[in-house]
Amino acid sequence: MEKQTLPNSTLILVFGILSIVGCCCYGFGIIFAIIAIIMAKKATALYNENPELYTGYQNVKTGKILAIIGLIVSALYLAYVIFMFATVGYDGILEMQEEIMKNYGG
């Protein structure tokens, strides 16, 4: 029997990459990471039933690792943003940005 590509193996990899790219977009990386991890869990279960029938498991493993990294970095960044809003507020963040732009010639 001919080998098939695991369903959504490329999509899992893409979502893993998007979770890292989206980590600085106020939580969008978390969404992609969770979707990639859930899809990777399903694909891993399917692969473990009949590993000789499927190819593309490397994409699933890589996408899952990237999604875990993206989830951690996104959660840390989101916690940092919440902390900044709780301590200095929106006006304080704007003042910091203006000061940085003035000091570094932006």
Protein backbone atom coordinates (compact mmCIF):
# COMPACT_ATOMS: atom_id res chain seq x y z
CA MET A 1 0.00 0.00 0.00
CA GLU A 2 1.22 3.47 -0.87
CA LYS A 3 2.23 5.86 1.91
CA GLN A 4 0.09 8.93 2.52
CA THR A 5 0.99 12.26 3.99
CA LEU A 6 -0.40 12.76 7.48
CA PRO A 7 -3.48 14.99 7.39
CA ASN A 8 -2.67 18.58 8.31
CA SER A 9 1.05 17.92 8.82
CA THR A 10 2.03 21.00 6.82
CA LEU A 11 -0.68 23.08 8.49
CA ILE A 12 0.62 22.11 11.93
CA LEU A 13 4.08 23.29 10.91
CA VAL A 14 2.69 26.57 9.54
CA PHE A 15 0.67 27.20 12.72
CA GLY A 16 3.76 26.44 14.81
CA ILE A 17 5.70 29.05 12.88
CA LEU A 18 2.83 31.57 13.13
CA SER A 19 2.68 31.05 16.88
CA ILE A 20 6.26 32.27 17.16
CA VAL A 21 5.76 35.11 14.68
CA GLY A 22 2.56 36.18 16.45
CA CYS A 23 4.04 36.10 19.94
CA CYS A 24 4.41 39.88 20.04
CA CYS A 25 0.89 40.56 18.78
CA TYR A 26 -0.89 40.61 22.14
CA GLY A 27 -1.85 36.95 22.31
CA PHE A 28 -2.44 35.91 18.71
CA GLY A 29 0.47 33.50 19.01
CA ILE A 30 -1.36 31.68 21.79
CA ILE A 31 -4.29 30.98 19.48
CA PHE A 32 -2.10 29.50 16.75
CA ALA A 33 -0.09 27.52 19.28
CA ILE A 34 -3.12 25.91 20.88
CA ILE A 35 -4.59 24.97 17.50
CA ALA A 36 -1.26 23.48 16.38
CA ILE A 37 -0.85 21.46 19.58
CA ILE A 38 -4.37 20.01 19.34
CA MET A 39 -3.90 19.13 15.68
CA ALA A 40 -0.49 17.62 16.42
CA LYS A 41 -1.99 15.44 19.14
CA LYS A 42 -4.57 14.06 16.71
CA ALA A 43 -1.96 13.52 13.97
CA THR A 44 0.39 11.79 16.42
CA ALA A 45 -2.36 9.42 17.53
CA LEU A 46 -3.15 8.63 13.89
CA TYR A 47 0.51 8.05 13.10
CA ASN A 48 1.06 5.81 16.12
CA GLU A 49 -1.79 3.52 15.02
CA ASN A 50 -0.14 2.76 11.65
CA PRO A 51 3.28 4.38 11.28
CA GLU A 52 4.04 2.46 8.09
CA LEU A 53 1.10 4.10 6.27
CA TYR A 54 2.06 7.75 6.75
CA THR A 55 4.82 10.19 5.94
CA GLY A 56 5.23 13.76 7.20
CA TYR A 57 5.55 12.95 10.88
CA GLN A 58 8.68 15.11 11.04
CA ASN A 59 6.56 18.15 10.16
CA VAL A 60 4.15 17.27 12.96
CA LYS A 61 6.96 16.95 15.53
CA THR A 62 8.62 20.19 14.41
CA GLY A 63 5.32 22.07 14.36
CA LYS A 64 4.47 20.83 17.85
CA ILE A 65 7.84 21.94 19.22
CA LEU A 66 7.48 25.36 17.58
CA ALA A 67 3.95 25.66 18.94
CA ILE A 68 5.10 24.89 22.48
CA ILE A 69 7.85 27.50 22.19
CA GLY A 70 5.39 29.99 20.70
CA LEU A 71 2.89 29.30 23.48
CA ILE A 72 5.48 29.93 26.19
CA VAL A 73 6.87 33.10 24.59
CA SER A 74 3.37 34.43 23.84
CA ALA A 75 2.21 33.78 27.39
CA LEU A 76 5.29 35.53 28.80
CA TYR A 77 4.78 38.53 26.53
CA LEU A 78 1.08 38.73 27.35
CA ALA A 79 1.88 38.60 31.07
CA TYR A 80 4.43 41.40 30.55
CA VAL A 81 1.87 43.56 28.75
CA ILE A 82 -0.71 42.98 31.48
CA PHE A 83 1.91 43.83 34.10
CA MET A 84 2.84 47.05 32.30
CA PHE A 85 -0.78 48.16 31.99
CA ALA A 86 -1.40 47.32 35.65
CA THR A 87 1.63 49.23 36.93
CA VAL A 88 2.15 52.28 34.71
CA GLY A 89 -1.06 52.36 32.68
CA TYR A 90 -1.61 53.32 29.09
CA ASP A 91 -0.40 56.91 29.54
CA GLY A 92 2.81 55.71 31.17
CA ILE A 93 3.49 53.35 28.27
CA LEU A 94 2.94 56.18 25.78
CA GLU A 95 5.33 58.42 27.72
CA MET A 96 7.99 55.69 27.72
CA GLN A 97 7.60 55.26 23.97
CA GLU A 98 7.92 59.01 23.37
CA GLU A 99 11.04 59.16 25.53
CA ILE A 100 12.62 56.24 23.70
CA MET A 101 11.82 57.82 20.33
CA LYS A 102 13.32 61.14 21.46
CA ASN A 103 16.49 59.57 22.84
CA TYR A 104 17.18 57.30 19.88
CA GLY A 105 16.14 59.65 17.08
CA GLY A 106 13.05 57.82 15.86
